[in-house]
Amino acid sequence: MTLWLPELRSDSLWFPSADTALKEPDGLLAFGGDLSVARLQQAYQHGIFPWFSPGDPLLWWSPGTRAVFRPDSLHAGRSLRKDWQKHQYQFSCDQAFPAVIAACAAPRAHQGGTWISDDIQQAYIALHHAGVAHSLEVWQHDRLVGGLYGIQVGALFCGESMFNRVPNAAKLALVQLQHYLQSFGLGWIDCQLPNDFLLQCGASPMPRADYLQLLQQQAAQPIPTGLWQAGAIASLIVHNE
């Protein structure tokens, strides 16, 4: 079967409407363009993200179903709180963005490779320098043991990837992220595609049309002053559980 896709031009930031994405493969929307800061910002503001393997064309997606954490949907259960206290994990934000994205890109036992290529890493590091992409780190003493990164679009955090170097570090990062966002009156987290891990953590599948409506509402809200100031953040995961 031959697929027809719009090709993005290097001299324009235009994207086709997300609701024109293919049903098979689910969410494939366009190809081409580049990974400039301006284009990536335009993509996320319209519910679109890049995802492609090394050697493939640059592909853009807006899947039919998203994985979304609603505010106050992530909690640290008793075992997770005990794990946090036992191992004395600490958290920070925007303190080690390049290290976090490099760790997310590292090969994993059940995967033959990674889509987070050097080009992707450099593009998101540029987004980080522009104040758009952010990381949350999990530390054990001075060792980085887990974390995640993503894009802040108004009041919505669009998660990209996470990693573990010790058990539960990614889940701790997710819980800490939502509690941190909620301390600023936020809390919605988009995690792109549903998977077993996200659903077990409490993510809700959301149809594209509903997600785009949510995105429009959240993107219109200002980012609170003081959000994503680099450095250590107070641990909030054991409060109000």
Protein backbone atom coordinates (compact mmCIF):
# COMPACT_ATOMS: atom_id res chain seq x y z
CA MET A 1 0.00 0.00 0.00
CA THR A 2 1.32 3.42 -0.97
CA LEU A 3 1.01 6.15 1.63
CA TRP A 4 0.76 9.84 0.75
CA LEU A 5 2.18 12.25 3.29
CA PRO A 6 2.61 16.02 3.21
CA GLU A 7 6.27 17.05 3.00
CA LEU A 8 7.32 19.93 5.21
CA ARG A 9 9.38 22.69 3.63
CA SER A 10 12.52 24.09 5.19
CA ASP A 11 11.36 27.68 4.58
CA SER A 12 8.02 27.30 6.37
CA LEU A 13 6.90 26.21 9.86
CA TRP A 14 3.52 25.00 8.53
CA PHE A 15 2.10 21.67 9.72
CA PRO A 16 -1.02 19.94 8.45
CA SER A 17 -3.87 19.75 10.94
CA ALA A 18 -3.33 17.01 13.52
CA ASP A 19 -6.74 15.51 12.78
CA THR A 20 -5.57 14.63 9.25
CA ALA A 21 -3.05 12.09 10.62
CA LEU A 22 -3.22 8.57 9.24
CA LYS A 23 -5.07 5.79 11.02
CA GLU A 24 -2.43 3.28 9.89
CA PRO A 25 0.27 3.72 10.99
CA ASP A 26 -1.61 5.45 13.75
CA GLY A 27 -0.86 9.14 13.94
CA LEU A 28 1.65 9.54 11.12
CA LEU A 29 1.11 13.09 9.87
CA ALA A 30 4.00 14.42 7.75
CA PHE A 31 7.68 14.08 6.92
CA GLY A 32 10.61 16.39 6.33
CA GLY A 33 11.38 19.81 7.69
CA ASP A 34 13.97 20.17 10.43
CA LEU A 35 14.41 20.07 14.21
CA SER A 36 14.80 23.80 14.78
CA VAL A 37 13.61 25.33 18.03
CA ALA A 38 10.88 27.27 16.22
CA ARG A 39 9.55 24.21 14.37
CA LEU A 40 9.55 22.01 17.47
CA GLN A 41 7.68 24.68 19.44
CA GLN A 42 5.13 24.94 16.62
CA ALA A 43 4.72 21.17 16.60
CA TYR A 44 4.08 20.77 20.33
CA GLN A 45 1.66 23.69 20.37
CA HIS A 46 -0.44 21.74 17.85
CA GLY A 47 -0.25 18.27 19.40
CA ILE A 48 2.52 17.00 17.10
CA PHE A 49 5.91 15.47 17.89
CA PRO A 50 8.86 13.98 15.93
CA TRP A 51 9.58 10.26 16.09
CA PHE A 52 11.82 8.43 13.65
CA SER A 53 14.59 5.83 13.59
CA PRO A 54 18.16 6.61 12.51
CA GLY A 55 18.37 6.48 8.72
CA ASP A 56 14.65 7.18 8.24
CA PRO A 57 13.15 10.48 7.09
CA LEU A 58 12.16 12.93 9.80
CA LEU A 59 8.59 11.83 10.66
CA TRP A 60 5.93 13.79 12.57
CA TRP A 61 3.09 12.20 14.56
CA SER A 62 -0.18 12.97 16.30
CA PRO A 63 -1.60 9.63 17.51
CA GLY A 64 -5.32 8.93 17.73
CA THR A 65 -5.09 8.18 21.45
CA ARG A 66 -2.82 9.94 23.94
CA ALA A 67 -1.70 8.95 27.44
CA VAL A 68 -2.46 11.78 29.86
CA PHE A 69 -2.08 12.15 33.61
CA ARG A 70 -4.81 14.29 35.10
CA PRO A 71 -3.88 16.54 38.05
CA ASP A 72 -3.60 14.64 41.32
CA SER A 73 -3.53 11.27 39.54
CA LEU A 74 0.03 10.30 40.52
CA HIS A 75 0.65 9.17 44.09
CA ALA A 76 3.49 7.53 45.96
CA GLY A 77 2.13 4.40 47.62
CA ARG A 78 3.51 3.08 50.88
CA SER A 79 6.15 0.89 49.22
CA LEU A 80 7.35 3.70 46.97
CA ARG A 81 7.60 6.11 49.90
CA LYS A 82 9.58 3.53 51.87
CA ASP A 83 11.89 3.04 48.90
CA TRP A 84 12.41 6.81 48.64
CA GLN A 85 13.20 7.12 52.34
CA LYS A 86 15.41 4.03 52.48
CA HIS A 87 17.65 5.08 49.61
CA GLN A 88 17.62 8.81 50.43
CA TYR A 89 16.82 9.92 46.90
CA GLN A 90 16.89 13.64 46.17
CA PHE A 91 15.32 15.57 43.29
CA SER A 92 16.28 18.54 41.17
CA CYS A 93 15.04 20.26 38.03
CA ASP A 94 17.02 21.51 35.04
CA GLN A 95 20.28 20.68 36.78
CA ALA A 96 21.52 17.99 34.36
CA PHE A 97 19.42 18.16 31.18
CA PRO A 98 22.11 16.84 28.77
CA ALA A 99 22.87 13.94 31.12
CA VAL A 100 19.16 13.07 31.42
CA ILE A 101 18.52 12.98 27.68
CA ALA A 102 21.74 10.99 27.12
CA ALA A 103 20.59 8.46 29.74
CA CYS A 104 17.17 8.22 28.08
CA ALA A 105 18.94 7.52 24.78
CA ALA A 106 21.13 4.74 26.19
CA PRO A 107 20.34 1.23 24.84
CA ARG A 108 18.02 -0.87 27.00
CA ALA A 109 18.01 -4.60 27.46
CA HIS A 110 14.71 -5.17 25.60
CA GLN A 111 15.46 -2.74 22.75
CA GLY A 112 17.80 -3.05 19.81
CA GLY A 113 18.37 0.68 19.51
CA THR A 114 17.01 4.11 20.32
CA TRP A 115 15.09 6.79 18.46
CA ILE A 116 16.80 9.49 20.57
CA SER A 117 19.60 10.05 18.08
CA ASP A 118 22.41 12.56 18.41
CA ASP A 119 20.37 14.96 16.25
CA ILE A 120 17.37 14.62 18.56
CA GLN A 121 19.54 15.15 21.62
CA GLN A 122 21.09 18.31 20.22
CA ALA A 123 17.69 19.63 19.13
CA TYR A 124 16.19 19.21 22.60
CA ILE A 125 19.27 20.60 24.30
CA ALA A 126 18.74 23.69 22.11
CA LEU A 127 15.09 23.74 23.29
CA HIS A 128 16.37 23.52 26.86
CA HIS A 129 18.68 26.49 26.33
CA ALA A 130 15.67 28.36 24.91
CA GLY A 131 13.77 27.71 28.15
CA VAL A 132 11.24 25.36 26.54
CA ALA A 133 12.51 21.85 27.40
CA HIS A 134 13.07 20.80 31.00
CA SER A 135 14.34 17.88 33.05
CA LEU A 136 13.64 16.44 36.46
CA GLU A 137 16.48 14.46 38.02
CA VAL A 138 16.59 11.76 40.70
CA TRP A 139 19.85 11.55 42.65
CA GLN A 140 21.27 9.10 45.13
CA HIS A 141 23.92 11.17 46.87
CA ASP A 142 25.87 12.58 43.88
CA ARG A 143 24.85 9.88 41.39
CA LEU A 144 22.14 10.48 38.78
CA VAL A 145 19.91 7.39 39.04
CA GLY A 146 16.75 8.43 37.20
CA GLY A 147 14.88 11.23 35.54
CA LEU A 148 12.73 12.47 32.71
CA TYR A 149 12.53 15.35 30.24
CA GLY A 150 9.84 17.09 28.24
CA ILE A 151 8.39 20.34 26.93
CA GLN A 152 6.38 22.93 28.86
CA VAL A 153 3.50 24.24 26.71
CA GLY A 154 1.67 26.80 28.82
CA ALA A 155 0.27 24.87 31.77
CA LEU A 156 0.78 21.45 30.13
CA PHE A 157 3.95 19.39 30.51
CA CYS A 158 4.56 17.18 27.45
CA GLY A 159 6.74 14.31 28.61
CA GLU A 160 9.21 12.83 26.15
CA SER A 161 11.20 10.06 27.84
CA MET A 162 12.40 8.78 31.21
CA PHE A 163 15.03 6.40 32.54
CA ASN A 164 15.94 4.20 35.51
CA ARG A 165 19.33 3.26 36.83
CA VAL A 166 17.78 1.86 40.00
CA PRO A 167 14.32 0.31 40.43
CA ASN A 168 11.40 2.77 40.73
CA ALA A 169 13.45 5.87 39.87
CA ALA A 170 11.32 6.68 36.80
CA LYS A 171 8.09 6.33 38.75
CA LEU A 172 9.50 8.49 41.54
CA ALA A 173 10.39 11.11 38.93
CA LEU A 174 6.85 11.06 37.51
CA VAL A 175 5.24 11.39 40.95
CA GLN A 176 7.63 14.17 41.96
CA LEU A 177 7.01 15.95 38.65
CA GLN A 178 3.24 16.10 39.12
CA HIS A 179 3.50 17.19 42.76
CA TYR A 180 6.02 19.84 41.75
CA LEU A 181 3.75 21.13 38.98
CA GLN A 182 0.77 21.12 41.35
CA SER A 183 2.70 23.30 43.78
CA PHE A 184 2.44 25.97 41.02
CA GLY A 185 -1.25 25.29 40.34
CA LEU A 186 -0.59 23.03 37.32
CA GLY A 187 -0.59 19.21 37.04
CA TRP A 188 -1.61 17.98 33.56
CA ILE A 189 1.06 15.73 31.98
CA ASP A 190 0.96 14.38 28.42
CA CYS A 191 2.98 11.19 27.87
CA GLN A 192 2.18 10.74 24.15
CA LEU A 193 1.43 7.02 23.68
CA PRO A 194 -0.25 4.73 26.23
CA ASN A 195 1.79 1.75 27.45
CA ASP A 196 1.44 -0.72 30.31
CA PHE A 197 3.78 1.20 32.63
CA LEU A 198 1.97 4.51 32.18
CA LEU A 199 -1.48 2.95 32.54
CA GLN A 200 -0.39 1.16 35.72
CA CYS A 201 0.82 4.51 37.08
CA GLY A 202 -2.61 6.03 36.49
CA ALA A 203 -2.48 7.56 33.01
CA SER A 204 -5.79 7.93 31.16
CA PRO A 205 -6.18 7.21 27.44
CA MET A 206 -7.55 10.33 25.74
CA PRO A 207 -8.86 10.60 22.15
CA ARG A 208 -6.98 13.02 19.94
CA ALA A 209 -9.90 15.46 19.65
CA ASP A 210 -10.20 15.71 23.44
CA TYR A 211 -6.44 16.05 23.80
CA LEU A 212 -6.28 18.88 21.26
CA GLN A 213 -9.04 20.71 23.15
CA LEU A 214 -7.13 20.22 26.41
CA LEU A 215 -3.91 21.40 24.75
CA GLN A 216 -5.59 24.56 23.46
CA GLN A 217 -6.88 25.36 26.95
CA GLN A 218 -3.58 24.63 28.70
CA ALA A 219 -1.39 26.36 26.11
CA ALA A 220 -3.32 29.60 26.62
CA GLN A 221 -2.33 29.72 30.29
CA PRO A 222 0.86 31.55 31.31
CA ILE A 223 3.79 29.62 32.75
CA PRO A 224 4.04 30.55 36.45
CA THR A 225 6.97 32.69 37.52
CA GLY A 226 9.66 30.57 39.16
CA LEU A 227 8.71 27.30 37.50
CA TRP A 228 11.79 25.43 36.27
CA GLN A 229 14.42 27.36 38.13
CA ALA A 230 17.50 25.14 38.00
CA GLY A 231 18.59 23.41 41.17
CA ALA A 232 17.32 21.23 43.96
CA ILE A 233 13.60 21.11 44.69
CA ALA A 234 11.88 20.19 47.91
CA SER A 235 10.55 16.66 47.97
CA LEU A 236 6.76 16.72 47.80
CA ILE A 237 5.96 13.08 47.20
CA VAL A 238 5.28 12.15 50.81
CA HIS A 239 2.88 15.00 51.44
CA ASN A 240 -0.86 14.46 51.46
CA GLU A 241 -0.65 10.80 50.47
